[in-house]
Amino acid sequence: MPSLRTLALPVTLALGLSLAGCATPDSKTAERVATGAAVGAAGGAVVGAITGGFLHKAVLGAAAGAAGAMVYDQIRKNEERD
């Protein structure tokens, strides 16, 4: 049976891609947040693979990426209104 470390990267990538697939072409916010979560998960997974705590850091990276993307999206929307 594969270890959790071996399965964590494919599972994280699959979840990120499935979230990205939920965004409709008109939904810039959902697209940005899903992309941020996927990039954050990938970054967290890389750090976790190097330092340990792979899955934990991938989840934290996804949350941080989604939050950062949401902030970025709100800034962009405010700029478009002005």
C-alpha atoms as a PDB file:
ATOM      1  CA  MET A   1       0.000   0.000   0.000  1.00  0.00           C
ATOM      2  CA  PRO A   2       1.419   3.443  -0.911  1.00  0.00           C
ATOM      3  CA  SER A   3       2.373   5.737   1.935  1.00  0.00           C
ATOM      4  CA  LEU A   4       0.513   8.941   2.696  1.00  0.00           C
ATOM      5  CA  ARG A   5       3.514  10.947   1.506  1.00  0.00           C
ATOM      6  CA  THR A   6       3.406   9.189  -1.876  1.00  0.00           C
ATOM      7  CA  LEU A   7      -0.304   9.857  -2.329  1.00  0.00           C
ATOM      8  CA  ALA A   8      -0.420  13.398  -0.976  1.00  0.00           C
ATOM      9  CA  LEU A   9       0.896  15.197  -4.069  1.00  0.00           C
ATOM     10  CA  PRO A  10      -1.410  13.500  -6.592  1.00  0.00           C
ATOM     11  CA  VAL A  11      -4.390  13.938  -4.287  1.00  0.00           C
ATOM     12  CA  THR A  12      -3.560  17.609  -3.675  1.00  0.00           C
ATOM     13  CA  LEU A  13      -3.155  18.269  -7.385  1.00  0.00           C
ATOM     14  CA  ALA A  14      -6.390  16.459  -8.195  1.00  0.00           C
ATOM     15  CA  LEU A  15      -8.289  18.505  -5.614  1.00  0.00           C
ATOM     16  CA  GLY A  16      -6.782  21.728  -6.918  1.00  0.00           C
ATOM     17  CA  LEU A  17      -7.691  20.886 -10.490  1.00  0.00           C
ATOM     18  CA  SER A  18     -11.207  19.902  -9.506  1.00  0.00           C
ATOM     19  CA  LEU A  19     -11.640  23.243  -7.745  1.00  0.00           C
ATOM     20  CA  ALA A  20     -10.345  25.046 -10.810  1.00  0.00           C
ATOM     21  CA  GLY A  21     -12.889  23.157 -12.895  1.00  0.00           C
ATOM     22  CA  CYS A  22     -15.731  24.537 -10.767  1.00  0.00           C
ATOM     23  CA  ALA A  23     -15.160  28.076 -11.970  1.00  0.00           C
ATOM     24  CA  THR A  24     -17.347  29.268 -14.799  1.00  0.00           C
ATOM     25  CA  PRO A  25     -15.783  31.477 -17.479  1.00  0.00           C
ATOM     26  CA  ASP A  26     -17.759  34.467 -16.159  1.00  0.00           C
ATOM     27  CA  SER A  27     -16.708  33.954 -12.561  1.00  0.00           C
ATOM     28  CA  LYS A  28     -13.361  35.713 -12.220  1.00  0.00           C
ATOM     29  CA  THR A  29     -13.497  35.525  -8.424  1.00  0.00           C
ATOM     30  CA  ALA A  30     -13.945  31.747  -8.370  1.00  0.00           C
ATOM     31  CA  GLU A  31     -11.271  31.318 -11.024  1.00  0.00           C
ATOM     32  CA  ARG A  32      -8.771  33.446  -9.118  1.00  0.00           C
ATOM     33  CA  VAL A  33      -9.471  31.760  -5.781  1.00  0.00           C
ATOM     34  CA  ALA A  34      -9.212  28.267  -7.276  1.00  0.00           C
ATOM     35  CA  THR A  35      -5.954  29.163  -8.996  1.00  0.00           C
ATOM     36  CA  GLY A  36      -4.583  30.681  -5.787  1.00  0.00           C
ATOM     37  CA  ALA A  37      -5.548  27.575  -3.833  1.00  0.00           C
ATOM     38  CA  ALA A  38      -3.911  25.278  -6.396  1.00  0.00           C
ATOM     39  CA  VAL A  39      -0.698  27.306  -6.502  1.00  0.00           C
ATOM     40  CA  GLY A  40      -0.633  27.573  -2.707  1.00  0.00           C
ATOM     41  CA  ALA A  41      -1.184  23.832  -2.326  1.00  0.00           C
ATOM     42  CA  ALA A  42       1.622  23.095  -4.751  1.00  0.00           C
ATOM     43  CA  GLY A  43       3.967  25.477  -2.939  1.00  0.00           C
ATOM     44  CA  GLY A  44       3.014  24.057   0.437  1.00  0.00           C
ATOM     45  CA  ALA A  45       3.507  20.530  -0.862  1.00  0.00           C
ATOM     46  CA  VAL A  46       7.007  21.367  -2.059  1.00  0.00           C
ATOM     47  CA  VAL A  47       7.936  22.923   1.281  1.00  0.00           C
ATOM     48  CA  GLY A  48       6.375  19.989   3.117  1.00  0.00           C
ATOM     49  CA  ALA A  49       8.271  17.487   1.007  1.00  0.00           C
ATOM     50  CA  ILE A  50      11.521  19.188   1.946  1.00  0.00           C
ATOM     51  CA  THR A  51      10.848  19.905   5.618  1.00  0.00           C
ATOM     52  CA  GLY A  52       8.271  17.267   6.580  1.00  0.00           C
ATOM     53  CA  GLY A  53       4.568  17.575   7.242  1.00  0.00           C
ATOM     54  CA  PHE A  54       3.738  17.294   3.546  1.00  0.00           C
ATOM     55  CA  LEU A  55      -0.054  17.132   3.701  1.00  0.00           C
ATOM     56  CA  HIS A  56      -0.359  19.672   6.504  1.00  0.00           C
ATOM     57  CA  LYS A  57       1.721  22.243   4.635  1.00  0.00           C
ATOM     58  CA  ALA A  58      -0.132  21.582   1.368  1.00  0.00           C
ATOM     59  CA  VAL A  59      -3.461  22.303   3.073  1.00  0.00           C
ATOM     60  CA  LEU A  60      -2.090  25.449   4.733  1.00  0.00           C
ATOM     61  CA  GLY A  61      -0.656  26.562   1.396  1.00  0.00           C
ATOM     62  CA  ALA A  62      -4.014  26.048  -0.287  1.00  0.00           C
ATOM     63  CA  ALA A  63      -5.774  28.118   2.373  1.00  0.00           C
ATOM     64  CA  ALA A  64      -3.185  30.894   2.162  1.00  0.00           C
ATOM     65  CA  GLY A  65      -3.311  30.883  -1.645  1.00  0.00           C
ATOM     66  CA  ALA A  66      -7.104  31.073  -1.677  1.00  0.00           C
ATOM     67  CA  ALA A  67      -7.115  33.917   0.856  1.00  0.00           C
ATOM     68  CA  GLY A  68      -4.451  35.837  -1.056  1.00  0.00           C
ATOM     69  CA  ALA A  69      -6.326  35.376  -4.315  1.00  0.00           C
ATOM     70  CA  MET A  70      -9.538  36.636  -2.721  1.00  0.00           C
ATOM     71  CA  VAL A  71      -7.769  39.782  -1.525  1.00  0.00           C
ATOM     72  CA  TYR A  72      -6.229  40.246  -4.988  1.00  0.00           C
ATOM     73  CA  ASP A  73      -9.648  39.795  -6.607  1.00  0.00           C
ATOM     74  CA  GLN A  74     -11.234  42.425  -4.395  1.00  0.00           C
ATOM     75  CA  ILE A  75      -8.443  44.899  -5.179  1.00  0.00           C
ATOM     76  CA  ARG A  76      -8.877  44.284  -8.918  1.00  0.00           C
ATOM     77  CA  LYS A  77     -12.658  44.776  -8.676  1.00  0.00           C
ATOM     78  CA  ASN A  78     -12.174  48.053  -6.815  1.00  0.00           C
ATOM     79  CA  GLU A  79      -9.730  49.245  -9.490  1.00  0.00           C
ATOM     80  CA  GLU A  80     -12.205  48.360 -12.253  1.00  0.00           C
ATOM     81  CA  ARG A  81     -14.949  50.413 -10.573  1.00  0.00           C
ATOM     82  CA  ASP A  82     -12.778  53.548 -10.394  1.00  0.00           C
END
